[in-house]
Amino acid sequence: EFMLMSVAAVGALYLGEYPEATAVMLLYYI
């Protein structure tokens, strides 16, 4: 599941969806 989250976050950064990428990791980390 860590790989799934990492791929999703990096993809969001690639698309310029910086807030979403950060929120994905922040909420998942919590």
PDB file of all heavy atoms in Angstrom:
ATOM      1  N   GLU A   1       0.823  -1.206   0.000  1.00  0.00           N
ATOM      2  CA  GLU A   1       0.000   0.000   0.000  1.00  0.00           C
ATOM      3  C   GLU A   1       0.858   1.257   0.000  1.00  0.00           C
ATOM      4  O   GLU A   1       0.458   2.319  -0.488  1.00  0.00           O
ATOM      5  CB  GLU A   1      -0.967   0.005   1.184  1.00  0.00           C
ATOM      6  CG  GLU A   1      -0.318   0.077   2.532  1.00  0.00           C
ATOM      7  CD  GLU A   1      -0.095  -1.291   3.140  1.00  0.00           C
ATOM      8  OE1 GLU A   1       0.081  -2.260   2.370  1.00  0.00           O
ATOM      9  OE2 GLU A   1      -0.076  -1.392   4.365  1.00  0.00           O
ATOM     10  N   PHE A   2       2.091   1.147   0.555  1.00  0.00           N
ATOM     11  CA  PHE A   2       3.010   2.292   0.555  1.00  0.00           C
ATOM     12  C   PHE A   2       3.407   2.660  -0.879  1.00  0.00           C
ATOM     13  O   PHE A   2       3.537   3.832  -1.224  1.00  0.00           O
ATOM     14  CB  PHE A   2       4.260   1.984   1.379  1.00  0.00           C
ATOM     15  CG  PHE A   2       3.962   1.476   2.754  1.00  0.00           C
ATOM     16  CD1 PHE A   2       4.384   0.226   3.159  1.00  0.00           C
ATOM     17  CD2 PHE A   2       3.232   2.244   3.653  1.00  0.00           C
ATOM     18  CE1 PHE A   2       4.097  -0.255   4.419  1.00  0.00           C
ATOM     19  CE2 PHE A   2       2.943   1.777   4.921  1.00  0.00           C
ATOM     20  CZ  PHE A   2       3.373   0.520   5.309  1.00  0.00           C
ATOM     21  N   MET A   3       3.597   1.622  -1.713  1.00  0.00           N
ATOM     22  CA  MET A   3       3.938   1.883  -3.111  1.00  0.00           C
ATOM     23  C   MET A   3       2.768   2.542  -3.831  1.00  0.00           C
ATOM     24  O   MET A   3       2.956   3.471  -4.629  1.00  0.00           O
ATOM     25  CB  MET A   3       4.320   0.567  -3.799  1.00  0.00           C
ATOM     26  CG  MET A   3       4.643   0.716  -5.283  1.00  0.00           C
ATOM     27  SD  MET A   3       6.011   1.899  -5.574  1.00  0.00           S
ATOM     28  CE  MET A   3       7.402   0.912  -5.012  1.00  0.00           C
ATOM     29  N   LEU A   4       1.532   2.088  -3.538  1.00  0.00           N
ATOM     30  CA  LEU A   4       0.359   2.707  -4.161  1.00  0.00           C
ATOM     31  C   LEU A   4       0.285   4.193  -3.825  1.00  0.00           C
ATOM     32  O   LEU A   4       0.044   5.035  -4.699  1.00  0.00           O
ATOM     33  CB  LEU A   4      -0.914   2.007  -3.678  1.00  0.00           C
ATOM     34  CG  LEU A   4      -1.246   0.632  -4.275  1.00  0.00           C
ATOM     35  CD1 LEU A   4      -2.546   0.127  -3.694  1.00  0.00           C
ATOM     36  CD2 LEU A   4      -1.327   0.697  -5.778  1.00  0.00           C
ATOM     37  N   MET A   5       0.483   4.522  -2.549  1.00  0.00           N
ATOM     38  CA  MET A   5       0.403   5.917  -2.128  1.00  0.00           C
ATOM     39  C   MET A   5       1.528   6.740  -2.746  1.00  0.00           C
ATOM     40  O   MET A   5       1.329   7.895  -3.145  1.00  0.00           O
ATOM     41  CB  MET A   5       0.458   6.014  -0.599  1.00  0.00           C
ATOM     42  CG  MET A   5      -0.687   5.313   0.122  1.00  0.00           C
ATOM     43  SD  MET A   5      -2.327   5.809  -0.431  1.00  0.00           S
ATOM     44  CE  MET A   5      -2.304   7.541  -0.040  1.00  0.00           C
ATOM     45  N   SER A   6       2.719   6.150  -2.826  1.00  0.00           N
ATOM     46  CA  SER A   6       3.860   6.876  -3.399  1.00  0.00           C
ATOM     47  C   SER A   6       3.631   7.179  -4.878  1.00  0.00           C
ATOM     48  O   SER A   6       3.883   8.302  -5.342  1.00  0.00           O
ATOM     49  CB  SER A   6       5.141   6.047  -3.223  1.00  0.00           C
ATOM     50  OG  SER A   6       5.412   5.840  -1.854  1.00  0.00           O
ATOM     51  N   VAL A   7       3.142   6.176  -5.623  1.00  0.00           N
ATOM     52  CA  VAL A   7       2.866   6.383  -7.052  1.00  0.00           C
ATOM     53  C   VAL A   7       1.805   7.468  -7.240  1.00  0.00           C
ATOM     54  O   VAL A   7       1.936   8.364  -8.092  1.00  0.00           O
ATOM     55  CB  VAL A   7       2.411   5.059  -7.707  1.00  0.00           C
ATOM     56  CG1 VAL A   7       1.891   5.308  -9.116  1.00  0.00           C
ATOM     57  CG2 VAL A   7       3.561   4.064  -7.733  1.00  0.00           C
ATOM     58  N   ALA A   8       0.756   7.415  -6.412  1.00  0.00           N
ATOM     59  CA  ALA A   8      -0.320   8.401  -6.520  1.00  0.00           C
ATOM     60  C   ALA A   8       0.188   9.803  -6.213  1.00  0.00           C
ATOM     61  O   ALA A   8      -0.143  10.777  -6.918  1.00  0.00           O
ATOM     62  CB  ALA A   8      -1.459   8.031  -5.569  1.00  0.00           C
ATOM     63  N   ALA A   9       1.017   9.941  -5.176  1.00  0.00           N
ATOM     64  CA  ALA A   9       1.517  11.260  -4.786  1.00  0.00           C
ATOM     65  C   ALA A   9       2.477  11.821  -5.826  1.00  0.00           C
ATOM     66  O   ALA A   9       2.397  13.011  -6.191  1.00  0.00           O
ATOM     67  CB  ALA A   9       2.212  11.172  -3.427  1.00  0.00           C
ATOM     68  N   VAL A  10       3.385  10.991  -6.327  1.00  0.00           N
ATOM     69  CA  VAL A  10       4.347  11.458  -7.342  1.00  0.00           C
ATOM     70  C   VAL A  10       3.599  11.845  -8.620  1.00  0.00           C
ATOM     71  O   VAL A  10       3.922  12.855  -9.270  1.00  0.00           O
ATOM     72  CB  VAL A  10       5.404  10.365  -7.624  1.00  0.00           C
ATOM     73  CG1 VAL A  10       6.249  10.744  -8.838  1.00  0.00           C
ATOM     74  CG2 VAL A  10       6.295  10.173  -6.398  1.00  0.00           C
ATOM     75  N   GLY A  11       2.580  11.051  -8.970  1.00  0.00           N
ATOM     76  CA  GLY A  11       1.783  11.389 -10.152  1.00  0.00           C
ATOM     77  C   GLY A  11       1.072  12.721  -9.993  1.00  0.00           C
ATOM     78  O   GLY A  11       0.993  13.519 -10.937  1.00  0.00           O
ATOM     79  N   ALA A  12       0.562  12.987  -8.774  1.00  0.00           N
ATOM     80  CA  ALA A  12      -0.112  14.261  -8.516  1.00  0.00           C
ATOM     81  C   ALA A  12       0.871  15.422  -8.631  1.00  0.00           C
ATOM     82  O   ALA A  12       0.533  16.489  -9.154  1.00  0.00           O
ATOM     83  CB  ALA A  12      -0.757  14.236  -7.133  1.00  0.00           C
ATOM     84  N   LEU A  13       2.096  15.217  -8.130  1.00  0.00           N
ATOM     85  CA  LEU A  13       3.123  16.265  -8.268  1.00  0.00           C
ATOM     86  C   LEU A  13       3.421  16.518  -9.743  1.00  0.00           C
ATOM     87  O   LEU A  13       3.593  17.670 -10.174  1.00  0.00           O
ATOM     88  CB  LEU A  13       4.405  15.846  -7.537  1.00  0.00           C
ATOM     89  CG  LEU A  13       4.347  15.828  -6.006  1.00  0.00           C
ATOM     90  CD1 LEU A  13       5.649  15.265  -5.438  1.00  0.00           C
ATOM     91  CD2 LEU A  13       4.106  17.234  -5.450  1.00  0.00           C
ATOM     92  N   TYR A  14       3.481  15.438 -10.527  1.00  0.00           N
ATOM     93  CA  TYR A  14       3.754  15.569 -11.953  1.00  0.00           C
ATOM     94  C   TYR A  14       2.663  16.390 -12.639  1.00  0.00           C
ATOM     95  O   TYR A  14       2.937  17.191 -13.545  1.00  0.00           O
ATOM     96  CB  TYR A  14       3.850  14.174 -12.584  1.00  0.00           C
ATOM     97  CG  TYR A  14       3.888  14.183 -14.091  1.00  0.00           C
ATOM     98  CD1 TYR A  14       5.055  14.509 -14.774  1.00  0.00           C
ATOM     99  CD2 TYR A  14       2.741  13.869 -14.832  1.00  0.00           C
ATOM    100  CE1 TYR A  14       5.082  14.531 -16.160  1.00  0.00           C
ATOM    101  CE2 TYR A  14       2.756  13.877 -16.208  1.00  0.00           C
ATOM    102  CZ  TYR A  14       3.930  14.208 -16.876  1.00  0.00           C
ATOM    103  OH  TYR A  14       3.959  14.237 -18.246  1.00  0.00           O
ATOM    104  N   LEU A  15       1.411  16.205 -12.192  1.00  0.00           N
ATOM    105  CA  LEU A  15       0.305  16.939 -12.798  1.00  0.00           C
ATOM    106  C   LEU A  15       0.186  18.362 -12.274  1.00  0.00           C
ATOM    107  O   LEU A  15      -0.672  19.121 -12.716  1.00  0.00           O
ATOM    108  CB  LEU A  15      -1.016  16.201 -12.526  1.00  0.00           C
ATOM    109  CG  LEU A  15      -1.200  14.854 -13.243  1.00  0.00           C
ATOM    110  CD1 LEU A  15      -2.494  14.196 -12.795  1.00  0.00           C
ATOM    111  CD2 LEU A  15      -1.210  15.044 -14.760  1.00  0.00           C
ATOM    112  N   GLY A  16       1.027  18.727 -11.304  1.00  0.00           N
ATOM    113  CA  GLY A  16       0.946  20.058 -10.716  1.00  0.00           C
ATOM    114  C   GLY A  16      -0.107  20.168  -9.633  1.00  0.00           C
ATOM    115  O   GLY A  16      -0.431  21.268  -9.176  1.00  0.00           O
ATOM    116  N   GLU A  17      -0.647  19.022  -9.176  1.00  0.00           N
ATOM    117  CA  GLU A  17      -1.649  19.017  -8.104  1.00  0.00           C
ATOM    118  C   GLU A  17      -0.921  18.953  -6.761  1.00  0.00           C
ATOM    119  O   GLU A  17      -1.021  17.974  -6.012  1.00  0.00           O
ATOM    120  CB  GLU A  17      -2.601  17.815  -8.274  1.00  0.00           C
ATOM    121  CG  GLU A  17      -3.326  17.751  -9.592  1.00  0.00           C
ATOM    122  CD  GLU A  17      -4.455  18.763  -9.654  1.00  0.00           C
ATOM    123  OE1 GLU A  17      -4.727  19.428  -8.645  1.00  0.00           O
ATOM    124  OE2 GLU A  17      -5.069  18.904 -10.724  1.00  0.00           O
ATOM    125  N   TYR A  18      -0.156  20.011  -6.463  1.00  0.00           N
ATOM    126  CA  TYR A  18       0.696  19.990  -5.265  1.00  0.00           C
ATOM    127  C   TYR A  18      -0.100  19.866  -3.965  1.00  0.00           C
ATOM    128  O   TYR A  18       0.286  19.091  -3.070  1.00  0.00           O
ATOM    129  CB  TYR A  18       1.584  21.232  -5.243  1.00  0.00           C
ATOM    130  CG  TYR A  18       2.346  21.476  -6.520  1.00  0.00           C
ATOM    131  CD1 TYR A  18       2.403  22.744  -7.101  1.00  0.00           C
ATOM    132  CD2 TYR A  18       3.005  20.426  -7.170  1.00  0.00           C
ATOM    133  CE1 TYR A  18       3.091  22.971  -8.287  1.00  0.00           C
ATOM    134  CE2 TYR A  18       3.696  20.644  -8.352  1.00  0.00           C
ATOM    135  CZ  TYR A  18       3.730  21.924  -8.909  1.00  0.00           C
ATOM    136  OH  TYR A  18       4.408  22.138 -10.075  1.00  0.00           O
ATOM    137  N   PRO A  19      -1.189  20.614  -3.788  1.00  0.00           N
ATOM    138  CA  PRO A  19      -1.942  20.466  -2.528  1.00  0.00           C
ATOM    139  C   PRO A  19      -2.481  19.048  -2.348  1.00  0.00           C
ATOM    140  O   PRO A  19      -2.433  18.494  -1.250  1.00  0.00           O
ATOM    141  CB  PRO A  19      -3.090  21.481  -2.680  1.00  0.00           C
ATOM    142  CG  PRO A  19      -2.625  22.458  -3.701  1.00  0.00           C
ATOM    143  CD  PRO A  19      -1.779  21.669  -4.652  1.00  0.00           C
ATOM    144  N   GLU A  20      -2.990  18.452  -3.449  1.00  0.00           N
ATOM    145  CA  GLU A  20      -3.528  17.101  -3.346  1.00  0.00           C
ATOM    146  C   GLU A  20      -2.434  16.100  -2.997  1.00  0.00           C
ATOM    147  O   GLU A  20      -2.631  15.207  -2.164  1.00  0.00           O
ATOM    148  CB  GLU A  20      -4.209  16.684  -4.660  1.00  0.00           C
ATOM    149  CG  GLU A  20      -5.549  17.354  -4.904  1.00  0.00           C
ATOM    150  CD  GLU A  20      -5.406  18.702  -5.600  1.00  0.00           C
ATOM    151  OE1 GLU A  20      -4.279  19.257  -5.573  1.00  0.00           O
ATOM    152  OE2 GLU A  20      -6.398  19.210  -6.142  1.00  0.00           O
ATOM    153  N   ALA A  21      -1.263  16.238  -3.641  1.00  0.00           N
ATOM    154  CA  ALA A  21      -0.154  15.319  -3.361  1.00  0.00           C
ATOM    155  C   ALA A  21       0.250  15.386  -1.893  1.00  0.00           C
ATOM    156  O   ALA A  21       0.469  14.358  -1.237  1.00  0.00           O
ATOM    157  CB  ALA A  21       1.040  15.659  -4.253  1.00  0.00           C
ATOM    158  N   THR A  22       0.341  16.596  -1.364  1.00  0.00           N
ATOM    159  CA  THR A  22       0.720  16.764   0.042  1.00  0.00           C
ATOM    160  C   THR A  22      -0.368  16.242   0.966  1.00  0.00           C
ATOM    161  O   THR A  22      -0.097  15.558   1.956  1.00  0.00           O
ATOM    162  CB  THR A  22       0.977  18.255   0.340  1.00  0.00           C
ATOM    163  OG1 THR A  22       1.986  18.738  -0.550  1.00  0.00           O
ATOM    164  CG2 THR A  22       1.430  18.449   1.774  1.00  0.00           C
ATOM    165  N   ALA A  23      -1.627  16.546   0.635  1.00  0.00           N
ATOM    166  CA  ALA A  23      -2.740  16.099   1.484  1.00  0.00           C
ATOM    167  C   ALA A  23      -2.836  14.583   1.501  1.00  0.00           C
ATOM    168  O   ALA A  23      -3.130  13.978   2.542  1.00  0.00           O
ATOM    169  CB  ALA A  23      -4.041  16.703   0.986  1.00  0.00           C
ATOM    170  N   VAL A  24      -2.606  13.933   0.346  1.00  0.00           N
ATOM    171  CA  VAL A  24      -2.629  12.473   0.287  1.00  0.00           C
ATOM    172  C   VAL A  24      -1.659  11.891   1.304  1.00  0.00           C
ATOM    173  O   VAL A  24      -2.005  11.021   2.115  1.00  0.00           O
ATOM    174  CB  VAL A  24      -2.271  11.981  -1.136  1.00  0.00           C
ATOM    175  CG1 VAL A  24      -1.893  10.503  -1.119  1.00  0.00           C
ATOM    176  CG2 VAL A  24      -3.444  12.194  -2.075  1.00  0.00           C
ATOM    177  N   MET A  25      -0.416  12.378   1.282  1.00  0.00           N
ATOM    178  CA  MET A  25       0.603  11.847   2.184  1.00  0.00           C
ATOM    179  C   MET A  25       0.349  12.242   3.635  1.00  0.00           C
ATOM    180  O   MET A  25       0.552  11.444   4.555  1.00  0.00           O
ATOM    181  CB  MET A  25       1.993  12.324   1.747  1.00  0.00           C
ATOM    182  CG  MET A  25       2.511  11.628   0.508  1.00  0.00           C
ATOM    183  SD  MET A  25       2.582   9.829   0.741  1.00  0.00           S
ATOM    184  CE  MET A  25       3.563   9.332  -0.665  1.00  0.00           C
ATOM    185  N   LEU A  26      -0.091  13.483   3.862  1.00  0.00           N
ATOM    186  CA  LEU A  26      -0.323  13.949   5.230  1.00  0.00           C
ATOM    187  C   LEU A  26      -1.419  13.122   5.902  1.00  0.00           C
ATOM    188  O   LEU A  26      -1.245  12.622   7.024  1.00  0.00           O
ATOM    189  CB  LEU A  26      -0.699  15.433   5.221  1.00  0.00           C
ATOM    190  CG  LEU A  26      -1.057  16.048   6.583  1.00  0.00           C
ATOM    191  CD1 LEU A  26       0.116  15.948   7.541  1.00  0.00           C
ATOM    192  CD2 LEU A  26      -1.487  17.505   6.410  1.00  0.00           C
ATOM    193  N   LEU A  27      -2.559  12.975   5.222  1.00  0.00           N
ATOM    194  CA  LEU A  27      -3.662  12.227   5.814  1.00  0.00           C
ATOM    195  C   LEU A  27      -3.321  10.743   5.945  1.00  0.00           C
ATOM    196  O   LEU A  27      -3.682  10.091   6.936  1.00  0.00           O
ATOM    197  CB  LEU A  27      -4.928  12.410   4.978  1.00  0.00           C
ATOM    198  CG  LEU A  27      -5.498  13.841   4.978  1.00  0.00           C
ATOM    199  CD1 LEU A  27      -6.639  13.957   3.980  1.00  0.00           C
ATOM    200  CD2 LEU A  27      -5.976  14.223   6.366  1.00  0.00           C
ATOM    201  N   TYR A  28      -2.613  10.214   4.956  1.00  0.00           N
ATOM    202  CA  TYR A  28      -2.222   8.808   5.028  1.00  0.00           C
ATOM    203  C   TYR A  28      -1.243   8.582   6.180  1.00  0.00           C
ATOM    204  O   TYR A  28      -1.351   7.598   6.921  1.00  0.00           O
ATOM    205  CB  TYR A  28      -1.590   8.368   3.710  1.00  0.00           C
ATOM    206  CG  TYR A  28      -1.224   6.902   3.682  1.00  0.00           C
ATOM    207  CD1 TYR A  28      -2.211   5.931   3.560  1.00  0.00           C
ATOM    208  CD2 TYR A  28       0.092   6.493   3.799  1.00  0.00           C
ATOM    209  CE1 TYR A  28      -1.891   4.582   3.542  1.00  0.00           C
ATOM    210  CE2 TYR A  28       0.424   5.149   3.785  1.00  0.00           C
ATOM    211  CZ  TYR A  28      -0.565   4.202   3.655  1.00  0.00           C
ATOM    212  OH  TYR A  28      -0.240   2.872   3.648  1.00  0.00           O
ATOM    213  N   TYR A  29      -0.295   9.510   6.360  1.00  0.00           N
ATOM    214  CA  TYR A  29       0.695   9.407   7.442  1.00  0.00           C
ATOM    215  C   TYR A  29       0.001   9.445   8.805  1.00  0.00           C
ATOM    216  O   TYR A  29       0.321   8.660   9.710  1.00  0.00           O
ATOM    217  CB  TYR A  29       1.697  10.555   7.314  1.00  0.00           C
ATOM    218  CG  TYR A  29       2.862  10.481   8.280  1.00  0.00           C
ATOM    219  CD1 TYR A  29       3.974   9.692   8.009  1.00  0.00           C
ATOM    220  CD2 TYR A  29       2.853  11.210   9.465  1.00  0.00           C
ATOM    221  CE1 TYR A  29       5.037   9.629   8.883  1.00  0.00           C
ATOM    222  CE2 TYR A  29       3.920  11.151  10.348  1.00  0.00           C
ATOM    223  CZ  TYR A  29       5.007  10.366  10.056  1.00  0.00           C
ATOM    224  OH  TYR A  29       6.063  10.300  10.929  1.00  0.00           O
ATOM    225  N   ILE A  30      -0.976  10.358   8.938  1.00  0.00           N
ATOM    226  CA  ILE A  30      -1.728  10.439  10.200  1.00  0.00           C
ATOM    227  C   ILE A  30      -2.519   9.153  10.421  1.00  0.00           C
ATOM    228  O   ILE A  30      -2.540   8.595  11.526  1.00  0.00           O
ATOM    229  CB  ILE A  30      -2.673  11.656  10.189  1.00  0.00           C
ATOM    230  CG1 ILE A  30      -1.860  12.956  10.198  1.00  0.00           C
ATOM    231  CG2 ILE A  30      -3.606  11.628  11.392  1.00  0.00           C
ATOM    232  CD1 ILE A  30      -2.701  14.206  10.008  1.00  0.00           C
TER     233      ILE A  30
END
